[in-house]
N, C-alpha and C. Protein backbone atom coordinates (compact mmCIF):
# COMPACT_ATOMS: atom_id res chain seq x y z
N UNK A 1 55.33 111.90 137.90
CA UNK A 1 55.51 112.69 136.58
C UNK A 1 55.48 111.75 135.58
N UNK A 2 55.24 111.14 134.18
CA UNK A 2 55.64 110.79 133.11
C UNK A 2 57.09 110.57 132.49
N UNK A 3 57.36 110.42 131.74
CA UNK A 3 58.67 110.25 130.61
C UNK A 3 57.85 111.57 129.77
N UNK A 4 57.00 111.69 129.64
CA UNK A 4 56.26 112.23 128.07
C UNK A 4 56.16 113.75 128.36
N UNK A 5 55.55 113.53 129.98
CA UNK A 5 55.40 115.21 130.98
C UNK A 5 56.93 115.80 130.22
N UNK A 6 57.89 115.06 131.22
CA UNK A 6 59.32 115.65 131.47
C UNK A 6 59.94 115.86 130.23
N UNK A 7 59.62 115.12 129.07
CA UNK A 7 60.32 116.22 127.70
C UNK A 7 59.41 116.99 127.08
N UNK A 8 58.35 116.96 127.72
CA UNK A 8 56.89 118.18 127.34
C UNK A 8 57.75 119.15 127.86
N UNK A 9 58.02 119.31 129.36
CA UNK A 9 59.05 120.18 130.11
C UNK A 9 60.25 120.91 130.01
N UNK A 10 60.93 120.16 129.13
CA UNK A 10 62.34 119.86 129.05
C UNK A 10 62.06 120.66 127.70
N UNK A 11 60.89 120.44 126.22
CA UNK A 11 61.07 120.98 125.26
C UNK A 11 60.75 122.55 126.01
N UNK A 12 59.36 122.80 126.43
CA UNK A 12 59.10 123.80 126.78
C UNK A 12 60.01 125.09 127.53
N UNK A 13 61.01 124.31 128.19
CA UNK A 13 62.04 125.05 128.70
C UNK A 13 63.81 125.50 127.82
N UNK A 14 63.22 124.92 126.79
CA UNK A 14 64.67 124.66 125.38
C UNK A 14 63.85 125.78 125.25
N UNK A 15 62.99 126.05 124.52
CA UNK A 15 62.39 127.22 123.56
C UNK A 15 61.99 128.13 124.41
N UNK A 16 61.72 128.22 125.63
CA UNK A 16 61.94 129.70 125.90
C UNK A 16 63.41 129.75 126.22
N UNK A 17 64.48 129.22 126.67
CA UNK A 17 65.82 129.87 126.36
C UNK A 17 66.52 130.33 125.12
N UNK A 18 65.72 130.01 123.73
CA UNK A 18 65.71 130.19 122.70
C UNK A 18 65.20 131.35 122.20
N UNK A 19 64.01 131.42 122.75
CA UNK A 19 63.26 133.04 123.00
C UNK A 19 64.31 134.20 123.27
N UNK A 20 64.85 133.78 124.43
CA UNK A 20 65.83 134.73 125.12
C UNK A 20 67.05 134.80 124.28
N UNK A 21 67.52 134.16 123.97
CA UNK A 21 68.91 134.28 123.03
C UNK A 21 68.46 135.12 121.60
N UNK A 22 67.66 134.83 121.07
CA UNK A 22 67.42 135.46 119.91
C UNK A 22 66.94 136.55 119.91
N UNK A 23 66.05 136.84 121.09
CA UNK A 23 65.87 138.17 121.67
C UNK A 23 67.19 139.34 121.32
N UNK A 24 68.10 138.56 122.43
CA UNK A 24 69.17 139.15 122.74
C UNK A 24 70.26 139.66 121.38
N UNK A 25 70.08 138.73 120.14
CA UNK A 25 70.75 138.94 119.06
C UNK A 25 69.78 140.03 118.03
N UNK A 26 69.10 139.84 118.65
CA UNK A 26 68.10 141.79 117.81
C UNK A 26 66.80 140.91 117.11
N UNK A 27 66.30 139.46 117.37
CA UNK A 27 65.05 139.10 116.04
C UNK A 27 64.16 139.92 117.11
N UNK A 28 62.90 139.85 116.32
CA UNK A 28 61.61 140.61 117.08
C UNK A 28 60.36 140.16 117.62
N UNK A 29 60.48 139.50 118.73
CA UNK A 29 59.83 138.45 118.93
C UNK A 29 58.88 139.36 119.29
N UNK A 30 57.34 138.92 119.11
CA UNK A 30 55.89 140.04 119.36
C UNK A 30 55.32 139.24 120.68
N UNK A 31 55.65 138.35 121.70
CA UNK A 31 55.37 137.88 122.33
C UNK A 31 55.95 136.55 122.14
N UNK A 32 55.65 135.22 122.93
CA UNK A 32 56.17 133.77 123.15
C UNK A 32 55.89 133.22 121.84
N UNK A 33 57.08 132.48 121.15
CA UNK A 33 57.42 132.04 120.31
C UNK A 33 57.36 130.68 120.60
N UNK A 34 57.11 129.43 119.75
CA UNK A 34 57.79 127.99 120.04
C UNK A 34 58.96 128.02 119.32
N UNK A 35 60.08 127.74 119.73
CA UNK A 35 61.15 127.82 119.17
C UNK A 35 61.83 126.60 119.17
N UNK A 36 61.71 125.30 118.65
CA UNK A 36 62.37 124.18 118.29
C UNK A 36 63.98 124.91 118.07
N UNK A 37 65.00 123.57 117.58
CA UNK A 37 66.09 123.82 116.72
C UNK A 37 66.10 124.45 115.31
N UNK A 38 65.69 125.59 115.58
CA UNK A 38 66.34 126.52 114.18
C UNK A 38 67.29 127.16 113.77
N UNK A 39 67.83 127.79 112.75
CA UNK A 39 68.84 128.52 112.15
C UNK A 39 68.25 129.74 111.89
N UNK A 40 68.90 131.00 112.27
CA UNK A 40 69.02 131.94 112.00
C UNK A 40 70.58 132.82 111.88
N UNK A 41 71.09 132.48 110.79
CA UNK A 41 72.65 132.35 110.91
C UNK A 41 72.97 133.84 110.76
N UNK A 42 72.53 134.75 110.47
CA UNK A 42 72.83 136.60 110.52
C UNK A 42 71.68 137.11 110.04
N UNK A 43 71.80 138.55 110.29
CA UNK A 43 70.86 139.61 110.18
C UNK A 43 69.64 139.31 111.05
N UNK A 44 69.99 139.18 112.41
CA UNK A 44 69.02 138.67 113.04
C UNK A 44 67.68 140.13 113.64
N UNK A 45 68.27 141.08 113.38
CA UNK A 45 67.17 142.33 113.59
C UNK A 45 66.10 142.57 112.40
N UNK A 46 66.51 141.95 110.99
CA UNK A 46 65.89 142.09 109.68
C UNK A 46 64.37 140.68 109.99
N UNK A 47 64.52 140.41 111.00
CA UNK A 47 63.08 139.58 111.26
C UNK A 47 62.54 139.72 112.46
N UNK A 48 61.25 139.44 112.33
CA UNK A 48 59.95 139.30 112.96
C UNK A 48 58.86 138.21 112.91
N UNK A 49 58.72 138.12 114.28
CA UNK A 49 58.35 136.80 114.74
C UNK A 49 57.03 137.44 115.40
N UNK A 50 55.29 137.05 115.08
CA UNK A 50 54.60 137.29 115.11
C UNK A 50 54.12 136.61 116.55
N UNK A 51 53.71 137.06 117.96
CA UNK A 51 53.06 136.17 119.19
C UNK A 51 52.28 134.83 118.39
N UNK A 52 52.56 133.48 119.33
CA UNK A 52 52.24 132.27 118.81
C UNK A 52 52.54 131.85 117.58
N UNK A 53 53.99 131.68 117.19
CA UNK A 53 54.65 131.29 116.01
C UNK A 53 55.26 130.06 116.16
N UNK A 54 55.15 128.98 115.92
CA UNK A 54 55.97 128.24 116.23
C UNK A 54 56.36 127.27 114.96
N UNK A 55 58.18 127.29 114.98
CA UNK A 55 59.15 126.96 114.36
C UNK A 55 59.07 125.67 114.70
N UNK A 56 59.20 124.53 113.70
CA UNK A 56 59.91 123.42 114.12
C UNK A 56 61.21 123.38 113.86
N UNK A 57 62.10 122.07 114.24
CA UNK A 57 62.97 121.98 113.66
C UNK A 57 63.80 121.49 112.56
N UNK A 58 64.86 122.15 112.35
CA UNK A 58 65.38 123.03 111.18
C UNK A 58 64.89 124.12 110.38
N UNK A 59 64.14 124.58 110.44
CA UNK A 59 63.82 125.84 110.47
C UNK A 59 64.89 126.64 110.04
N UNK A 60 65.12 127.43 108.58
CA UNK A 60 65.80 128.49 108.72
C UNK A 60 65.45 129.53 108.14
N UNK A 61 65.16 130.57 108.78
CA UNK A 61 65.58 132.04 108.15
C UNK A 61 66.82 132.82 108.01
N UNK A 62 66.87 132.82 106.46
CA UNK A 62 68.41 133.10 105.89
C UNK A 62 67.50 134.70 105.33
N UNK A 63 68.38 135.64 106.17
CA UNK A 63 68.48 137.38 105.15
C UNK A 63 69.89 137.19 104.39
N UNK A 64 69.65 138.28 103.74
CA UNK A 64 71.20 138.63 102.80
C UNK A 64 71.00 140.03 102.37
N UNK A 65 71.88 140.44 101.49
CA UNK A 65 71.40 141.76 100.91
C UNK A 65 71.57 142.67 102.18
N UNK A 66 71.49 144.06 101.69
CA UNK A 66 71.31 144.92 103.01
C UNK A 66 70.17 144.32 103.81
N UNK A 67 71.09 144.94 105.16
CA UNK A 67 70.12 144.87 106.51
C UNK A 67 68.85 145.43 106.88
N UNK A 68 67.62 145.62 106.84
CA UNK A 68 66.67 146.36 106.92
C UNK A 68 65.54 145.62 107.96
N UNK A 69 64.55 146.33 108.97
CA UNK A 69 63.53 145.50 109.81
C UNK A 69 62.47 144.68 108.30
N UNK A 70 62.20 144.10 109.59
CA UNK A 70 60.97 143.32 108.74
C UNK A 70 61.39 142.68 107.17
N UNK A 71 62.33 141.76 106.82
CA UNK A 71 63.03 141.29 105.92
C UNK A 71 62.11 139.96 105.60
N UNK A 72 61.90 139.10 107.10
CA UNK A 72 61.29 138.28 107.24
C UNK A 72 60.26 138.52 108.02
N UNK A 73 58.66 138.30 108.03
CA UNK A 73 58.15 138.48 108.97
C UNK A 73 56.89 136.83 108.93
N UNK A 74 56.99 136.32 110.00
CA UNK A 74 55.86 135.62 110.40
C UNK A 74 54.87 136.07 111.00
N UNK A 75 53.25 135.87 110.27
CA UNK A 75 52.06 136.12 111.11
C UNK A 75 51.92 135.36 112.76
N UNK A 76 51.44 135.85 113.30
CA UNK A 76 50.60 135.61 114.43
C UNK A 76 50.16 134.10 114.28
N UNK A 77 50.09 133.26 115.23
CA UNK A 77 50.17 131.62 115.45
C UNK A 77 49.97 130.42 113.94
N UNK A 78 51.30 131.34 112.98
CA UNK A 78 51.57 130.54 111.84
C UNK A 78 52.35 129.54 112.44
N UNK A 79 52.10 128.39 111.96
CA UNK A 79 53.12 126.88 112.22
C UNK A 79 53.78 126.57 110.83
N UNK A 80 55.34 126.59 111.03
CA UNK A 80 56.02 126.37 110.70
C UNK A 80 56.70 125.28 110.67
N UNK A 81 56.58 124.27 109.72
CA UNK A 81 56.80 122.34 109.80
C UNK A 81 58.76 122.35 109.57
N UNK A 82 59.00 121.47 109.92
CA UNK A 82 60.40 121.02 109.88
C UNK A 82 61.30 121.47 108.91
N UNK A 83 62.17 121.69 108.63
CA UNK A 83 63.37 121.63 107.83
C UNK A 83 63.02 122.75 106.57
N UNK A 84 62.13 123.62 106.91
CA UNK A 84 61.20 124.59 106.12
C UNK A 84 63.08 125.94 105.84
N UNK A 85 62.92 126.83 104.67
CA UNK A 85 63.73 127.63 104.73
C UNK A 85 63.33 128.80 104.18
N UNK A 86 63.27 130.20 104.82
CA UNK A 86 62.91 131.22 103.98
C UNK A 86 64.32 131.98 103.92
N UNK A 87 64.23 132.26 102.45
CA UNK A 87 65.49 132.67 102.04
C UNK A 87 65.26 134.22 101.39
N UNK A 88 65.68 135.29 102.32
CA UNK A 88 64.76 136.47 102.12
C UNK A 88 66.35 137.81 101.97
N UNK A 89 66.04 138.42 100.68
CA UNK A 89 67.12 139.31 100.07
C UNK A 89 66.57 140.85 100.29
N UNK A 90 64.44 140.72 100.46
CA UNK A 90 64.32 142.17 99.85
C UNK A 90 62.86 141.82 101.18
N UNK A 91 62.13 140.96 100.77
CA UNK A 91 60.91 140.68 101.89
C UNK A 91 60.32 139.35 101.28
N UNK A 92 60.18 138.85 102.56
CA UNK A 92 59.18 137.44 102.79
C UNK A 92 58.28 137.91 103.72
N UNK A 93 56.88 137.71 103.68
CA UNK A 93 55.84 137.97 104.50
C UNK A 93 54.75 136.90 104.75
N UNK A 94 54.83 136.17 105.67
CA UNK A 94 53.82 134.74 105.87
C UNK A 94 52.56 135.23 106.79
N UNK A 95 51.29 134.94 106.48
CA UNK A 95 50.07 135.73 107.15
C UNK A 95 50.14 135.12 108.67
N UNK A 96 48.78 135.89 109.20
CA UNK A 96 48.58 135.19 110.27
C UNK A 96 47.95 133.11 110.14
N UNK A 97 48.10 133.04 111.23
CA UNK A 97 47.42 131.65 111.19
C UNK A 97 47.74 130.63 109.91
N UNK A 98 48.83 130.55 109.15
CA UNK A 98 49.28 129.67 108.09
C UNK A 98 49.71 128.71 109.13
N UNK A 99 49.84 127.34 107.89
CA UNK A 99 50.62 126.29 108.45
C UNK A 99 51.36 125.81 106.56
N UNK A 100 52.61 125.79 107.08
CA UNK A 100 53.79 125.30 106.36
C UNK A 100 53.98 123.84 106.48
N UNK A 101 53.96 123.22 105.16
CA UNK A 101 54.34 122.05 105.90
C UNK A 101 55.84 121.53 105.80
N UNK A 102 56.40 120.67 105.82
CA UNK A 102 58.02 120.32 105.86
C UNK A 102 58.59 120.01 104.73
N UNK A 103 59.96 120.70 104.75
CA UNK A 103 60.47 120.77 103.57
C UNK A 103 60.09 122.03 102.88
N UNK A 104 59.37 122.93 103.43
CA UNK A 104 59.45 124.18 101.78
C UNK A 104 60.30 125.01 102.14
N UNK A 105 60.40 125.75 100.77
CA UNK A 105 61.23 127.13 100.28
C UNK A 105 60.50 127.58 99.60
N UNK A 106 60.59 128.89 100.10
CA UNK A 106 60.14 130.10 99.87
C UNK A 106 61.23 131.43 100.00
N UNK A 107 61.33 131.96 98.51
CA UNK A 107 62.77 132.77 98.67
C UNK A 107 61.75 134.34 97.82
N UNK A 108 62.61 135.38 97.76
CA UNK A 108 62.43 136.93 97.27
C UNK A 108 63.45 137.09 96.39
N UNK A 109 63.93 136.26 96.06
CA UNK A 109 65.34 136.41 94.53
C UNK A 109 65.74 135.33 94.13
N UNK A 110 66.38 135.47 93.09
CA UNK A 110 67.18 134.67 92.10
C UNK A 110 68.31 135.14 91.51
N UNK A 111 68.99 134.43 90.85
CA UNK A 111 70.49 135.46 90.19
C UNK A 111 70.30 135.89 88.96
N UNK A 112 70.32 136.76 88.20
CA UNK A 112 70.82 137.00 86.70
C UNK A 112 71.51 135.91 86.48
N UNK A 113 71.13 135.58 85.14
CA UNK A 113 72.11 134.50 84.19
C UNK A 113 72.22 135.14 82.92
N UNK A 114 73.73 135.40 82.85
CA UNK A 114 74.58 135.62 81.88
C UNK A 114 75.34 134.85 81.40
N UNK A 115 75.43 134.19 79.86
CA UNK A 115 76.31 133.44 79.82
C UNK A 115 77.81 133.62 79.78
N UNK A 116 78.75 132.68 80.37
CA UNK A 116 80.08 133.01 80.09
C UNK A 116 80.21 132.95 82.38
N UNK A 117 79.24 133.80 82.85
CA UNK A 117 79.48 133.97 84.17
C UNK A 117 79.07 132.68 85.10
N UNK A 118 79.96 132.76 85.99
CA UNK A 118 78.84 132.07 87.16
C UNK A 118 77.82 132.96 87.69
N UNK A 119 76.68 131.77 88.14
CA UNK A 119 75.70 132.35 88.36
C UNK A 119 75.79 133.02 89.76
N UNK A 120 76.67 132.62 90.85
CA UNK A 120 76.72 133.25 92.05
C UNK A 120 77.80 134.69 92.32
N UNK A 121 78.29 135.20 91.03
CA UNK A 121 78.96 136.29 90.75
C UNK A 121 77.66 136.75 90.70
N UNK A 122 76.69 136.84 89.99
CA UNK A 122 75.81 137.59 89.77
C UNK A 122 74.67 138.42 90.56
N UNK A 123 74.61 139.42 90.19
CA UNK A 123 73.65 140.47 91.04
C UNK A 123 72.62 139.67 91.21
N UNK A 124 71.63 139.63 92.72
CA UNK A 124 70.23 139.17 92.63
C UNK A 124 69.21 139.93 92.12
N UNK A 125 67.93 139.49 91.29
CA UNK A 125 67.01 140.12 91.11
C UNK A 125 65.98 139.69 92.28
N UNK A 126 65.49 140.33 92.34
CA UNK A 126 64.40 140.21 94.27
C UNK A 126 63.04 140.96 93.79
N UNK A 127 62.27 140.50 94.61
CA UNK A 127 60.58 140.45 94.22
C UNK A 127 60.15 140.19 95.38
N UNK A 128 59.53 141.20 96.57
CA UNK A 128 58.22 140.70 97.69
C UNK A 128 57.84 139.52 97.40
N UNK A 129 57.67 138.82 98.25
CA UNK A 129 57.03 137.29 98.28
C UNK A 129 56.16 137.45 99.62
N UNK A 130 54.93 137.14 99.28
CA UNK A 130 54.08 137.46 100.84
C UNK A 130 52.75 136.20 100.54
N UNK A 131 52.18 135.92 101.74
CA UNK A 131 51.02 134.90 101.91
C UNK A 131 50.03 135.57 102.40
N UNK A 132 48.79 135.28 101.91
CA UNK A 132 48.03 136.17 103.11
C UNK A 132 47.54 135.07 104.13
N UNK A 133 46.60 135.53 105.00
CA UNK A 133 46.16 134.90 106.46
C UNK A 133 45.71 133.50 106.00
N UNK A 134 45.71 132.46 106.63
CA UNK A 134 44.98 131.14 106.53
C UNK A 134 45.64 130.10 105.70
N UNK A 135 46.74 130.62 105.00
CA UNK A 135 47.19 129.58 103.83
C UNK A 135 48.24 128.47 104.20
N UNK A 136 47.83 127.31 103.21
CA UNK A 136 48.64 126.26 103.73
C UNK A 136 49.26 125.71 102.72
N UNK A 137 50.64 125.56 102.88
CA UNK A 137 51.20 125.20 101.97
C UNK A 137 51.83 123.67 102.33
N UNK A 138 51.41 122.82 101.40
CA UNK A 138 51.91 121.12 101.55
C UNK A 138 53.22 121.20 101.44
N UNK A 139 53.47 120.09 101.88
CA UNK A 139 54.92 119.45 102.18
C UNK A 139 55.65 120.07 100.81
N UNK A 140 57.08 120.36 101.01
CA UNK A 140 57.79 120.39 100.14
C UNK A 140 57.65 121.30 99.20
N UNK A 141 56.32 122.20 98.95
CA UNK A 141 56.39 123.58 97.95
C UNK A 141 57.28 124.32 97.77
N UNK A 142 57.23 125.15 97.02
CA UNK A 142 58.37 125.83 96.26
C UNK A 142 57.52 127.19 96.30
N UNK A 143 57.69 128.45 97.07
CA UNK A 143 57.02 129.52 96.10
C UNK A 143 58.07 130.59 96.22
N UNK A 144 57.91 131.26 94.94
CA UNK A 144 59.03 131.36 94.10
C UNK A 144 58.90 133.19 94.23
N UNK A 145 60.08 134.41 93.83
CA UNK A 145 59.99 135.38 94.20
C UNK A 145 59.00 136.41 92.99
N UNK A 146 58.56 137.08 94.05
CA UNK A 146 57.23 138.01 93.58
C UNK A 146 56.06 137.34 93.48
N UNK A 147 55.66 136.19 94.21
CA UNK A 147 55.08 135.67 94.17
C UNK A 147 53.55 136.23 95.26
N UNK A 148 52.72 136.41 95.70
CA UNK A 148 51.26 136.68 96.24
C UNK A 148 49.94 136.07 96.43
N UNK A 149 50.36 135.03 97.54
CA UNK A 149 49.37 133.85 97.67
C UNK A 149 48.05 134.57 98.51
N UNK A 150 46.98 134.87 98.04
CA UNK A 150 45.90 135.20 98.77
C UNK A 150 45.24 134.38 99.81
N UNK A 151 44.43 135.05 101.10
CA UNK A 151 44.04 134.35 101.84
C UNK A 151 42.99 132.91 101.73
N UNK A 152 43.36 132.16 102.82
CA UNK A 152 42.80 131.16 102.93
C UNK A 152 43.18 130.18 101.23
N UNK A 153 44.02 130.61 101.04
CA UNK A 153 44.41 129.14 99.53
C UNK A 153 45.50 128.26 99.97
N UNK A 154 45.38 127.44 99.02
CA UNK A 154 46.40 126.06 99.41
C UNK A 154 46.90 125.23 98.42
N UNK A 155 48.04 125.47 98.71
CA UNK A 155 49.21 125.01 97.85
C UNK A 155 49.55 123.63 98.10
N UNK A 156 49.06 122.77 96.98
CA UNK A 156 49.39 121.20 96.70
C UNK A 156 50.67 120.95 97.75
N UNK A 157 51.38 119.51 98.05
CA UNK A 157 52.66 119.36 98.22
C UNK A 157 52.63 119.11 97.02
N UNK A 158 54.20 119.83 97.03
CA UNK A 158 55.26 119.39 95.80
C UNK A 158 54.87 120.24 94.66
N UNK A 159 54.37 121.84 94.51
CA UNK A 159 53.82 122.17 93.49
C UNK A 159 55.40 123.57 93.54
N UNK A 160 55.36 123.87 92.87
CA UNK A 160 56.07 125.25 92.31
C UNK A 160 55.31 126.46 92.09
N UNK A 161 55.34 127.39 92.71
CA UNK A 161 54.64 128.43 92.61
C UNK A 161 55.16 129.46 92.02
N UNK A 162 54.68 129.73 90.51
CA UNK A 162 55.87 130.69 89.77
C UNK A 162 54.86 131.97 89.60
N UNK A 163 53.36 132.36 90.05
CA UNK A 163 52.68 133.29 89.71
C UNK A 163 51.89 133.56 90.93
N UNK A 164 50.97 134.46 90.98
CA UNK A 164 50.33 135.25 92.50
C UNK A 164 49.36 133.70 92.34
N UNK A 165 49.00 133.60 93.31
CA UNK A 165 47.40 132.39 93.65
C UNK A 165 46.31 133.68 94.41
N UNK A 166 44.99 133.28 93.63
CA UNK A 166 43.74 134.08 94.02
C UNK A 166 43.70 133.62 95.58
N UNK A 167 43.19 134.34 96.23
CA UNK A 167 42.39 133.85 97.65
C UNK A 167 41.23 133.13 97.29
N UNK A 168 41.33 131.87 98.43
CA UNK A 168 40.73 130.68 98.44
C UNK A 168 40.74 129.69 97.01
N UNK A 169 41.64 129.68 96.48
CA UNK A 169 41.93 129.05 95.41
C UNK A 169 42.97 127.93 95.96
N UNK A 170 43.25 126.98 95.18
CA UNK A 170 43.80 125.82 95.33
C UNK A 170 44.90 125.72 93.99
N UNK A 171 45.86 125.21 93.98
CA UNK A 171 46.86 125.07 93.56
C UNK A 171 48.00 124.23 93.69
N UNK A 172 48.18 123.28 92.34
CA UNK A 172 48.83 121.91 92.49
C UNK A 172 50.01 121.65 91.11
N UNK A 173 50.61 121.27 91.15
CA UNK A 173 51.97 121.04 89.85
C UNK A 173 52.99 121.73 89.77
N UNK A 174 54.12 121.29 88.61
CA UNK A 174 55.19 122.14 88.49
C UNK A 174 55.11 122.32 87.15
N UNK A 175 55.01 123.63 86.77
CA UNK A 175 54.54 124.58 87.66
C UNK A 175 53.03 124.34 88.22
N UNK A 176 53.15 125.66 89.37
CA UNK A 176 50.95 125.20 90.25
C UNK A 176 50.38 125.90 88.91
N UNK A 177 49.07 125.00 88.82
CA UNK A 177 48.02 125.37 88.48
C UNK A 177 47.10 125.41 88.86
N UNK A 178 46.12 126.11 88.77
CA UNK A 178 45.09 126.43 89.24
C UNK A 178 43.74 125.52 89.18
N UNK A 179 43.12 124.35 90.43
CA UNK A 179 42.51 123.39 90.38
C UNK A 179 41.44 123.80 90.00
N UNK A 180 40.21 123.07 89.40
CA UNK A 180 39.03 123.27 89.19
C UNK A 180 38.35 122.83 90.48
N UNK A 181 37.30 123.84 91.25
CA UNK A 181 37.03 123.76 92.48
C UNK A 181 36.08 122.32 92.44
N UNK A 182 35.60 121.64 91.42
CA UNK A 182 35.53 120.29 91.48
C UNK A 182 36.18 118.86 91.64
N UNK A 183 37.86 119.43 91.46
CA UNK A 183 38.38 118.47 92.11
C UNK A 183 39.10 118.38 93.23
N UNK A 184 38.48 119.54 94.06
CA UNK A 184 38.94 119.54 95.88
C UNK A 184 38.02 119.79 96.52
N UNK A 185 36.84 119.95 95.85
CA UNK A 185 35.95 120.05 96.96
C UNK A 185 34.97 118.87 97.66
N UNK A 186 34.38 118.71 98.71
CA UNK A 186 34.16 117.98 99.30
C UNK A 186 33.33 116.75 98.07
N UNK A 187 33.36 115.31 98.60
CA UNK A 187 32.57 114.41 97.52
C UNK A 187 31.59 113.83 99.12
N UNK A 188 30.60 113.97 98.00
CA UNK A 188 29.30 113.01 99.42
C UNK A 188 29.40 111.43 98.61
């Protein structure tokens, strides 16, 4: 056996242990998921991972507010790269067969900002955040509350998505804007 094969076997065994541990805590895993060193600090029963989900090192699934099922749902065969944060108080759903680049942040809430009061002491404003199937979020993209991203859409690296993205669209920028088809189609 090569050293690389030994590392793959050890990684697979560690992932299986994490599957068992998170099931024990109450996370609903609908089949085997590839789990690296991830963080789910609380409200484990609020999270559902469908079969074939892969969560890489440093992924954080953070639930707050009142506990409820399906607060964070990650669709079948979706891959979430390193150091991604899902921050849910109401609902974040990532569709099937999605790819999320490293360092992304997805949230469904922010705080009221009243003058003279600390933001952390004010209530949350929440609205569900959703992506369709086969969505690709580039590295360090930020998806804000209430956004829906359609099937087969691509969000460019570093984009901040503040509004809905139609199916098959390409968006980029801060705030994210729709790119013209000619700027992203294959060139000959």
